Amino acid sequence: MPATDYEVTYIIRPTLEDAEIEARIEQLSQLLQTNGGEVVGEIEKMGKRRLAYEIDDVREGYYVVMKFKSEPAAAKELERQMRLNEDVMRALLINLND
């Protein structure tokens, strides 16, 4: 079965230092690659933005967009790990093949 194209946009807590933010981004892309996924192109770091609505009294977040190819199981696992990671406030995974 060919790999599926995905895009995930996630928001990291703005209270982290730049180095910690970089570490989280690296950690998540490594997790994907460990599960057989492949990051496509550059990971787009959009920086701190104001949130549309507050999440746990936080008004901004550090936005990151990552495009990748993987099996559906690897994408599901990435999504699960993001939910478990307390530094990731929100994540939206989109299947680009649909």
PDB file of N, CA and C in Angstrom:
ATOM      1  N   MET A   1       0.839  -1.197   0.000  1.00  0.00           N
ATOM      2  CA  MET A   1       0.000   0.000   0.000  1.00  0.00           C
ATOM      3  C   MET A   1       0.879   1.253   0.000  1.00  0.00           C
ATOM      4  N   PRO A   2       0.617   2.191  -0.918  1.00  0.00           N
ATOM      5  CA  PRO A   2       1.463   3.393  -0.954  1.00  0.00           C
ATOM      6  C   PRO A   2       1.223   4.279   0.263  1.00  0.00           C
ATOM      7  N   ALA A   3       2.240   5.036   0.624  1.00  0.00           N
ATOM      8  CA  ALA A   3       2.109   5.940   1.768  1.00  0.00           C
ATOM      9  C   ALA A   3       1.119   7.056   1.433  1.00  0.00           C
ATOM     10  N   THR A   4       0.459   7.548   2.450  1.00  0.00           N
ATOM     11  CA  THR A   4      -0.527   8.607   2.297  1.00  0.00           C
ATOM     12  C   THR A   4       0.135   9.938   2.620  1.00  0.00           C
ATOM     13  N   ASP A   5      -0.287  11.003   1.925  1.00  0.00           N
ATOM     14  CA  ASP A   5       0.224  12.352   2.223  1.00  0.00           C
ATOM     15  C   ASP A   5      -0.616  12.977   3.325  1.00  0.00           C
ATOM     16  N   TYR A   6       0.062  13.525   4.325  1.00  0.00           N
ATOM     17  CA  TYR A   6      -0.625  14.186   5.436  1.00  0.00           C
ATOM     18  C   TYR A   6      -0.017  15.558   5.678  1.00  0.00           C
ATOM     19  N   GLU A   7      -0.799  16.369   6.378  1.00  0.00           N
ATOM     20  CA  GLU A   7      -0.271  17.631   6.893  1.00  0.00           C
ATOM     21  C   GLU A   7      -0.778  17.734   8.316  1.00  0.00           C
ATOM     22  N   VAL A   8       0.121  18.052   9.223  1.00  0.00           N
ATOM     23  CA  VAL A   8      -0.303  18.250  10.608  1.00  0.00           C
ATOM     24  C   VAL A   8       0.106  19.662  11.022  1.00  0.00           C
ATOM     25  N   THR A   9      -0.854  20.366  11.618  1.00  0.00           N
ATOM     26  CA  THR A   9      -0.585  21.685  12.185  1.00  0.00           C
ATOM     27  C   THR A   9      -0.730  21.512  13.687  1.00  0.00           C
ATOM     28  N   TYR A  10       0.288  21.925  14.416  1.00  0.00           N
ATOM     29  CA  TYR A  10       0.160  21.804  15.871  1.00  0.00           C
ATOM     30  C   TYR A  10       0.639  23.068  16.558  1.00  0.00           C
ATOM     31  N   ILE A  11       0.161  23.252  17.778  1.00  0.00           N
ATOM     32  CA  ILE A  11       0.449  24.448  18.550  1.00  0.00           C
ATOM     33  C   ILE A  11       1.183  24.038  19.822  1.00  0.00           C
ATOM     34  N   ILE A  12       2.365  24.601  19.998  1.00  0.00           N
ATOM     35  CA  ILE A  12       3.193  24.306  21.178  1.00  0.00           C
ATOM     36  C   ILE A  12       3.018  25.441  22.187  1.00  0.00           C
ATOM     37  N   ARG A  13       3.067  25.091  23.451  1.00  0.00           N
ATOM     38  CA  ARG A  13       2.945  26.104  24.515  1.00  0.00           C
ATOM     39  C   ARG A  13       3.953  27.234  24.302  1.00  0.00           C
ATOM     40  N   PRO A  14       3.501  28.483  24.431  1.00  0.00           N
ATOM     41  CA  PRO A  14       4.390  29.626  24.183  1.00  0.00           C
ATOM     42  C   PRO A  14       5.357  29.890  25.337  1.00  0.00           C
ATOM     43  N   THR A  15       5.168  29.216  26.470  1.00  0.00           N
ATOM     44  CA  THR A  15       6.009  29.455  27.644  1.00  0.00           C
ATOM     45  C   THR A  15       7.371  28.776  27.520  1.00  0.00           C
ATOM     46  N   LEU A  16       7.530  27.881  26.540  1.00  0.00           N
ATOM     47  CA  LEU A  16       8.807  27.184  26.377  1.00  0.00           C
ATOM     48  C   LEU A  16       9.866  28.111  25.779  1.00  0.00           C
ATOM     49  N   GLU A  17      11.113  27.832  26.116  1.00  0.00           N
ATOM     50  CA  GLU A  17      12.237  28.555  25.503  1.00  0.00           C
ATOM     51  C   GLU A  17      12.359  28.108  24.054  1.00  0.00           C
ATOM     52  N   ASP A  18      13.006  28.925  23.212  1.00  0.00           N
ATOM     53  CA  ASP A  18      13.199  28.579  21.794  1.00  0.00           C
ATOM     54  C   ASP A  18      13.856  27.216  21.619  1.00  0.00           C
ATOM     55  N   ALA A  19      14.871  26.944  22.440  1.00  0.00           N
ATOM     56  CA  ALA A  19      15.583  25.660  22.338  1.00  0.00           C
ATOM     57  C   ALA A  19      14.648  24.489  22.654  1.00  0.00           C
ATOM     58  N   GLU A  20      13.750  24.687  23.629  1.00  0.00           N
ATOM     59  CA  GLU A  20      12.794  23.637  23.995  1.00  0.00           C
ATOM     60  C   GLU A  20      11.779  23.424  22.870  1.00  0.00           C
ATOM     61  N   ILE A  21      11.355  24.511  22.246  1.00  0.00           N
ATOM     62  CA  ILE A  21      10.419  24.418  21.119  1.00  0.00           C
ATOM     63  C   ILE A  21      11.068  23.619  19.990  1.00  0.00           C
ATOM     64  N   GLU A  22      12.317  23.972  19.651  1.00  0.00           N
ATOM     65  CA  GLU A  22      13.063  23.237  18.617  1.00  0.00           C
ATOM     66  C   GLU A  22      13.152  21.754  18.976  1.00  0.00           C
ATOM     67  N   ALA A  23      13.412  21.455  20.240  1.00  0.00           N
ATOM     68  CA  ALA A  23      13.532  20.074  20.707  1.00  0.00           C
ATOM     69  C   ALA A  23      12.214  19.316  20.529  1.00  0.00           C
ATOM     70  N   ARG A  24      11.079  19.958  20.841  1.00  0.00           N
ATOM     71  CA  ARG A  24       9.766  19.312  20.676  1.00  0.00           C
ATOM     72  C   ARG A  24       9.496  19.028  19.196  1.00  0.00           C
ATOM     73  N   ILE A  25       9.812  20.005  18.327  1.00  0.00           N
ATOM     74  CA  ILE A  25       9.593  19.839  16.880  1.00  0.00           C
ATOM     75  C   ILE A  25      10.434  18.670  16.371  1.00  0.00           C
ATOM     76  N   GLU A  26      11.688  18.633  16.803  1.00  0.00           N
ATOM     77  CA  GLU A  26      12.610  17.563  16.403  1.00  0.00           C
ATOM     78  C   GLU A  26      12.109  16.207  16.921  1.00  0.00           C
ATOM     79  N   GLN A  27      11.668  16.191  18.162  1.00  0.00           N
ATOM     80  CA  GLN A  27      11.172  14.977  18.812  1.00  0.00           C
ATOM     81  C   GLN A  27       9.982  14.395  18.035  1.00  0.00           C
ATOM     82  N   LEU A  28       9.051  15.260  17.627  1.00  0.00           N
ATOM     83  CA  LEU A  28       7.866  14.795  16.908  1.00  0.00           C
ATOM     84  C   LEU A  28       8.198  14.305  15.508  1.00  0.00           C
ATOM     85  N   SER A  29       9.136  14.972  14.826  1.00  0.00           N
ATOM     86  CA  SER A  29       9.502  14.503  13.486  1.00  0.00           C
ATOM     87  C   SER A  29      10.296  13.197  13.584  1.00  0.00           C
ATOM     88  N   GLN A  30      11.100  13.049  14.645  1.00  0.00           N
ATOM     89  CA  GLN A  30      11.836  11.790  14.880  1.00  0.00           C
ATOM     90  C   GLN A  30      10.860  10.642  15.141  1.00  0.00           C
ATOM     91  N   LEU A  31       9.843  10.918  15.941  1.00  0.00           N
ATOM     92  CA  LEU A  31       8.827   9.915  16.269  1.00  0.00           C
ATOM     93  C   LEU A  31       8.177   9.397  14.988  1.00  0.00           C
ATOM     94  N   LEU A  32       7.844  10.334  14.108  1.00  0.00           N
ATOM     95  CA  LEU A  32       7.222   9.974  12.828  1.00  0.00           C
ATOM     96  C   LEU A  32       8.165   9.085  12.010  1.00  0.00           C
ATOM     97  N   GLN A  33       9.434   9.473  11.938  1.00  0.00           N
ATOM     98  CA  GLN A  33      10.412   8.719  11.155  1.00  0.00           C
ATOM     99  C   GLN A  33      10.689   7.347  11.753  1.00  0.00           C
ATOM    100  N   THR A  34      10.667   7.262  13.070  1.00  0.00           N
ATOM    101  CA  THR A  34      10.849   5.974  13.750  1.00  0.00           C
ATOM    102  C   THR A  34       9.747   4.999  13.354  1.00  0.00           C
ATOM    103  N   ASN A  35       8.543   5.545  13.138  1.00  0.00           N
ATOM    104  CA  ASN A  35       7.402   4.714  12.759  1.00  0.00           C
ATOM    105  C   ASN A  35       7.283   4.537  11.250  1.00  0.00           C
ATOM    106  N   GLY A  36       8.333   4.895  10.510  1.00  0.00           N
ATOM    107  CA  GLY A  36       8.345   4.651   9.075  1.00  0.00           C
ATOM    108  C   GLY A  36       7.797   5.781   8.226  1.00  0.00           C
ATOM    109  N   GLY A  37       7.495   6.921   8.843  1.00  0.00           N
ATOM    110  CA  GLY A  37       7.003   8.072   8.088  1.00  0.00           C
ATOM    111  C   GLY A  37       8.170   8.880   7.537  1.00  0.00           C
ATOM    112  N   GLU A  38       7.856   9.826   6.653  1.00  0.00           N
ATOM    113  CA  GLU A  38       8.898  10.636   6.029  1.00  0.00           C
ATOM    114  C   GLU A  38       8.412  12.080   5.963  1.00  0.00           C
ATOM    115  N   VAL A  39       9.196  13.000   6.530  1.00  0.00           N
ATOM    116  CA  VAL A  39       8.848  14.420   6.481  1.00  0.00           C
ATOM    117  C   VAL A  39       9.099  14.908   5.056  1.00  0.00           C
ATOM    118  N   VAL A  40       8.113  15.618   4.492  1.00  0.00           N
ATOM    119  CA  VAL A  40       8.234  16.128   3.131  1.00  0.00           C
ATOM    120  C   VAL A  40       8.547  17.619   3.186  1.00  0.00           C
ATOM    121  N   GLY A  41       9.673  18.026   2.614  1.00  0.00           N
ATOM    122  CA  GLY A  41      10.044  19.444   2.597  1.00  0.00           C
ATOM    123  C   GLY A  41      10.445  19.945   3.970  1.00  0.00           C
ATOM    124  N   GLU A  42      10.420  21.248   4.115  1.00  0.00           N
ATOM    125  CA  GLU A  42      10.800  21.891   5.372  1.00  0.00           C
ATOM    126  C   GLU A  42       9.626  21.846   6.349  1.00  0.00           C
ATOM    127  N   ILE A  43       9.953  21.752   7.634  1.00  0.00           N
ATOM    128  CA  ILE A  43       8.913  21.910   8.652  1.00  0.00           C
ATOM    129  C   ILE A  43       8.723  23.416   8.791  1.00  0.00           C
ATOM    130  N   GLU A  44       7.501  23.867   8.603  1.00  0.00           N
ATOM    131  CA  GLU A  44       7.232  25.306   8.612  1.00  0.00           C
ATOM    132  C   GLU A  44       6.965  25.789  10.028  1.00  0.00           C
ATOM    133  N   LYS A  45       7.873  26.607  10.552  1.00  0.00           N
ATOM    134  CA  LYS A  45       7.725  27.159  11.900  1.00  0.00           C
ATOM    135  C   LYS A  45       7.128  28.550  11.744  1.00  0.00           C
ATOM    136  N   MET A  46       5.862  28.668  12.083  1.00  0.00           N
ATOM    137  CA  MET A  46       5.161  29.928  11.861  1.00  0.00           C
ATOM    138  C   MET A  46       5.301  30.892  13.035  1.00  0.00           C
ATOM    139  N   GLY A  47       5.880  30.405  14.120  1.00  0.00           N
ATOM    140  CA  GLY A  47       6.134  31.280  15.259  1.00  0.00           C
ATOM    141  C   GLY A  47       4.920  31.484  16.145  1.00  0.00           C
ATOM    142  N   LYS A  48       5.072  32.434  17.071  1.00  0.00           N
ATOM    143  CA  LYS A  48       3.985  32.704  18.024  1.00  0.00           C
ATOM    144  C   LYS A  48       2.882  33.464  17.330  1.00  0.00           C
ATOM    145  N   ARG A  49       1.670  32.988  17.547  1.00  0.00           N
ATOM    146  CA  ARG A  49       0.482  33.650  16.998  1.00  0.00           C
ATOM    147  C   ARG A  49      -0.562  33.693  18.097  1.00  0.00           C
ATOM    148  N   ARG A  50      -1.458  34.657  17.953  1.00  0.00           N
ATOM    149  CA  ARG A  50      -2.583  34.735  18.887  1.00  0.00           C
ATOM    150  C   ARG A  50      -3.562  33.612  18.547  1.00  0.00           C
ATOM    151  N   LEU A  51      -4.077  32.949  19.577  1.00  0.00           N
ATOM    152  CA  LEU A  51      -5.042  31.873  19.358  1.00  0.00           C
ATOM    153  C   LEU A  51      -6.425  32.460  19.066  1.00  0.00           C
ATOM    154  N   ALA A  52      -7.229  31.722  18.320  1.00  0.00           N
ATOM    155  CA  ALA A  52      -8.596  32.150  18.032  1.00  0.00           C
ATOM    156  C   ALA A  52      -9.414  32.205  19.326  1.00  0.00           C
ATOM    157  N   TYR A  53      -9.104  31.291  20.252  1.00  0.00           N
ATOM    158  CA  TYR A  53      -9.756  31.302  21.562  1.00  0.00           C
ATOM    159  C   TYR A  53      -8.756  30.785  22.586  1.00  0.00           C
ATOM    160  N   GLU A  54      -8.973  31.144  23.844  1.00  0.00           N
ATOM    161  CA  GLU A  54      -8.054  30.725  24.907  1.00  0.00           C
ATOM    162  C   GLU A  54      -8.107  29.223  25.126  1.00  0.00           C
ATOM    163  N   ILE A  55      -6.943  28.636  25.380  1.00  0.00           N
ATOM    164  CA  ILE A  55      -6.868  27.229  25.769  1.00  0.00           C
ATOM    165  C   ILE A  55      -6.172  27.222  27.127  1.00  0.00           C
ATOM    166  N   ASP A  56      -6.863  26.788  28.145  1.00  0.00           N
ATOM    167  CA  ASP A  56      -6.295  26.766  29.508  1.00  0.00           C
ATOM    168  C   ASP A  56      -5.676  28.112  29.896  1.00  0.00           C
ATOM    169  N   ASP A  57      -6.398  29.189  29.683  1.00  0.00           N
ATOM    170  CA  ASP A  57      -5.943  30.553  30.018  1.00  0.00           C
ATOM    171  C   ASP A  57      -4.722  31.011  29.221  1.00  0.00           C
ATOM    172  N   VAL A  58      -4.402  30.338  28.147  1.00  0.00           N
ATOM    173  CA  VAL A  58      -3.258  30.737  27.322  1.00  0.00           C
ATOM    174  C   VAL A  58      -3.817  31.404  26.067  1.00  0.00           C
ATOM    175  N   ARG A  59      -3.260  32.571  25.722  1.00  0.00           N
ATOM    176  CA  ARG A  59      -3.786  33.349  24.601  1.00  0.00           C
ATOM    177  C   ARG A  59      -2.983  33.208  23.315  1.00  0.00           C
ATOM    178  N   GLU A  60      -1.738  32.715  23.414  1.00  0.00           N
ATOM    179  CA  GLU A  60      -0.971  32.514  22.195  1.00  0.00           C
ATOM    180  C   GLU A  60      -0.343  31.145  22.177  1.00  0.00           C
ATOM    181  N   GLY A  61       0.166  30.778  21.014  1.00  0.00           N
ATOM    182  CA  GLY A  61       0.837  29.499  20.877  1.00  0.00           C
ATOM    183  C   GLY A  61       1.845  29.573  19.747  1.00  0.00           C
ATOM    184  N   TYR A  62       2.760  28.628  19.726  1.00  0.00           N
ATOM    185  CA  TYR A  62       3.782  28.563  18.689  1.00  0.00           C
ATOM    186  C   TYR A  62       3.296  27.560  17.642  1.00  0.00           C
ATOM    187  N   TYR A  63       2.983  28.078  16.447  1.00  0.00           N
ATOM    188  CA  TYR A  63       2.404  27.248  15.392  1.00  0.00           C
ATOM    189  C   TYR A  63       3.480  26.567  14.548  1.00  0.00           C
ATOM    190  N   VAL A  64       3.249  25.284  14.245  1.00  0.00           N
ATOM    191  CA  VAL A  64       4.157  24.512  13.405  1.00  0.00           C
ATOM    192  C   VAL A  64       3.330  23.716  12.394  1.00  0.00           C
ATOM    193  N   VAL A  65       3.766  23.710  11.131  1.00  0.00           N
ATOM    194  CA  VAL A  65       3.093  22.916  10.104  1.00  0.00           C
ATOM    195  C   VAL A  65       4.112  21.938   9.532  1.00  0.00           C
ATOM    196  N   MET A  66       3.744  20.648   9.526  1.00  0.00           N
ATOM    197  CA  MET A  66       4.640  19.617   9.000  1.00  0.00           C
ATOM    198  C   MET A  66       3.876  18.765   7.991  1.00  0.00           C
ATOM    199  N   LYS A  67       4.412  18.676   6.798  1.00  0.00           N
ATOM    200  CA  LYS A  67       3.836  17.779   5.787  1.00  0.00           C
ATOM    201  C   LYS A  67       4.638  16.485   5.825  1.00  0.00           C
ATOM    202  N   PHE A  68       3.944  15.364   5.676  1.00  0.00           N
ATOM    203  CA  PHE A  68       4.660  14.089   5.702  1.00  0.00           C
ATOM    204  C   PHE A  68       3.911  13.005   4.953  1.00  0.00           C
ATOM    205  N   LYS A  69       4.635  11.954   4.624  1.00  0.00           N
ATOM    206  CA  LYS A  69       4.061  10.750   4.013  1.00  0.00           C
ATOM    207  C   LYS A  69       4.240   9.632   5.017  1.00  0.00           C
ATOM    208  N   SER A  70       3.190   8.832   5.193  1.00  0.00           N
ATOM    209  CA  SER A  70       3.328   7.666   6.068  1.00  0.00           C
ATOM    210  C   SER A  70       2.145   6.734   5.866  1.00  0.00           C
ATOM    211  N   GLU A  71       2.258   5.578   6.486  1.00  0.00           N
ATOM    212  CA  GLU A  71       1.123   4.658   6.569  1.00  0.00           C
ATOM    213  C   GLU A  71       0.124   5.288   7.535  1.00  0.00           C
ATOM    214  N   PRO A  72      -1.169   4.976   7.383  1.00  0.00           N
ATOM    215  CA  PRO A  72      -2.167   5.519   8.316  1.00  0.00           C
ATOM    216  C   PRO A  72      -1.855   5.214   9.787  1.00  0.00           C
ATOM    217  N   ALA A  73      -1.299   4.046  10.054  1.00  0.00           N
ATOM    218  CA  ALA A  73      -0.992   3.681  11.454  1.00  0.00           C
ATOM    219  C   ALA A  73       0.037   4.630  12.069  1.00  0.00           C
ATOM    220  N   ALA A  74       1.049   5.022  11.293  1.00  0.00           N
ATOM    221  CA  ALA A  74       2.078   5.941  11.802  1.00  0.00           C
ATOM    222  C   ALA A  74       1.479   7.326  12.065  1.00  0.00           C
ATOM    223  N   ALA A  75       0.568   7.748  11.191  1.00  0.00           N
ATOM    224  CA  ALA A  75      -0.095   9.045  11.387  1.00  0.00           C
ATOM    225  C   ALA A  75      -0.949   9.016  12.648  1.00  0.00           C
ATOM    226  N   LYS A  76      -1.661   7.910  12.857  1.00  0.00           N
ATOM    227  CA  LYS A  76      -2.493   7.751  14.062  1.00  0.00           C
ATOM    228  C   LYS A  76      -1.627   7.797  15.320  1.00  0.00           C
ATOM    229  N   GLU A  77      -0.478   7.126  15.261  1.00  0.00           N
ATOM    230  CA  GLU A  77       0.428   7.090  16.418  1.00  0.00           C
ATOM    231  C   GLU A  77       0.973   8.493  16.708  1.00  0.00           C
ATOM    232  N   LEU A  78       1.317   9.241  15.651  1.00  0.00           N
ATOM    233  CA  LEU A  78       1.802  10.615  15.827  1.00  0.00           C
ATOM    234  C   LEU A  78       0.723  11.456  16.511  1.00  0.00           C
ATOM    235  N   GLU A  79      -0.505  11.315  16.037  1.00  0.00           N
ATOM    236  CA  GLU A  79      -1.626  12.055  16.614  1.00  0.00           C
ATOM    237  C   GLU A  79      -1.815  11.693  18.096  1.00  0.00           C
ATOM    238  N   ARG A  80      -1.709  10.404  18.397  1.00  0.00           N
ATOM    239  CA  ARG A  80      -1.850   9.930  19.780  1.00  0.00           C
ATOM    240  C   ARG A  80      -0.751  10.521  20.670  1.00  0.00           C
ATOM    241  N   GLN A  81       0.486  10.488  20.179  1.00  0.00           N
ATOM    242  CA  GLN A  81       1.619  11.025  20.951  1.00  0.00           C
ATOM    243  C   GLN A  81       1.473  12.536  21.182  1.00  0.00           C
ATOM    244  N   MET A  82       0.931  13.236  20.186  1.00  0.00           N
ATOM    245  CA  MET A  82       0.721  14.684  20.351  1.00  0.00           C
ATOM    246  C   MET A  82      -0.317  14.964  21.429  1.00  0.00           C
ATOM    247  N   ARG A  83      -1.367  14.115  21.468  1.00  0.00           N
ATOM    248  CA  ARG A  83      -2.377  14.289  22.524  1.00  0.00           C
ATOM    249  C   ARG A  83      -1.776  14.059  23.903  1.00  0.00           C
ATOM    250  N   LEU A  84      -0.839  13.117  24.003  1.00  0.00           N
ATOM    251  CA  LEU A  84      -0.216  12.792  25.293  1.00  0.00           C
ATOM    252  C   LEU A  84       0.829  13.823  25.708  1.00  0.00           C
ATOM    253  N   ASN A  85       1.385  14.552  24.741  1.00  0.00           N
ATOM    254  CA  ASN A  85       2.459  15.511  25.028  1.00  0.00           C
ATOM    255  C   ASN A  85       1.857  16.791  25.606  1.00  0.00           C
ATOM    256  N   GLU A  86       2.215  17.114  26.859  1.00  0.00           N
ATOM    257  CA  GLU A  86       1.594  18.278  27.502  1.00  0.00           C
ATOM    258  C   GLU A  86       2.051  19.606  26.893  1.00  0.00           C
ATOM    259  N   ASP A  87       3.146  19.601  26.111  1.00  0.00           N
ATOM    260  CA  ASP A  87       3.599  20.835  25.474  1.00  0.00           C
ATOM    261  C   ASP A  87       2.852  21.137  24.175  1.00  0.00           C
ATOM    262  N   VAL A  88       2.140  20.139  23.654  1.00  0.00           N
ATOM    263  CA  VAL A  88       1.345  20.349  22.437  1.00  0.00           C
ATOM    264  C   VAL A  88      -0.087  20.667  22.867  1.00  0.00           C
ATOM    265  N   MET A  89      -0.499  21.916  22.626  1.00  0.00           N
ATOM    266  CA  MET A  89      -1.820  22.355  23.073  1.00  0.00           C
ATOM    267  C   MET A  89      -2.930  21.832  22.169  1.00  0.00           C
ATOM    268  N   ARG A  90      -2.707  21.848  20.868  1.00  0.00           N
ATOM    269  CA  ARG A  90      -3.675  21.366  19.888  1.00  0.00           C
ATOM    270  C   ARG A  90      -2.926  20.817  18.689  1.00  0.00           C
ATOM    271  N   ALA A  91      -3.556  19.864  18.002  1.00  0.00           N
ATOM    272  CA  ALA A  91      -2.980  19.336  16.764  1.00  0.00           C
ATOM    273  C   ALA A  91      -4.120  19.002  15.812  1.00  0.00           C
ATOM    274  N   LEU A  92      -3.911  19.318  14.540  1.00  0.00           N
ATOM    275  CA  LEU A  92      -4.913  19.011  13.518  1.00  0.00           C
ATOM    276  C   LEU A  92      -4.199  18.253  12.393  1.00  0.00           C
ATOM    277  N   LEU A  93      -4.628  17.007  12.208  1.00  0.00           N
ATOM    278  CA  LEU A  93      -4.031  16.148  11.181  1.00  0.00           C
ATOM    279  C   LEU A  93      -4.975  16.082  10.000  1.00  0.00           C
ATOM    280  N   ILE A  94      -4.447  16.362   8.810  1.00  0.00           N
ATOM    281  CA  ILE A  94      -5.267  16.351   7.593  1.00  0.00           C
ATOM    282  C   ILE A  94      -4.683  15.350   6.597  1.00  0.00           C
ATOM    283  N   ASN A  95      -5.560  14.519   6.034  1.00  0.00           N
ATOM    284  CA  ASN A  95      -5.154  13.598   4.975  1.00  0.00           C
ATOM    285  C   ASN A  95      -5.261  14.375   3.668  1.00  0.00           C
ATOM    286  N   LEU A  96      -4.123  14.606   2.989  1.00  0.00           N
ATOM    287  CA  LEU A  96      -4.108  15.427   1.773  1.00  0.00           C
ATOM    288  C   LEU A  96      -4.564  14.638   0.540  1.00  0.00           C
ATOM    289  N   ASN A  97      -4.723  13.326   0.660  1.00  0.00           N
ATOM    290  CA  ASN A  97      -5.133  12.518  -0.489  1.00  0.00           C
ATOM    291  C   ASN A  97      -6.637  12.522  -0.698  1.00  0.00           C
ATOM    292  N   ASP A  98      -7.374  12.956   0.319  1.00  0.00           N
ATOM    293  CA  ASP A  98      -8.846  12.943   0.199  1.00  0.00           C
ATOM    294  C   ASP A  98      -9.346  14.050  -0.712  1.00  0.00           C
TER     295      ASP A  98
END
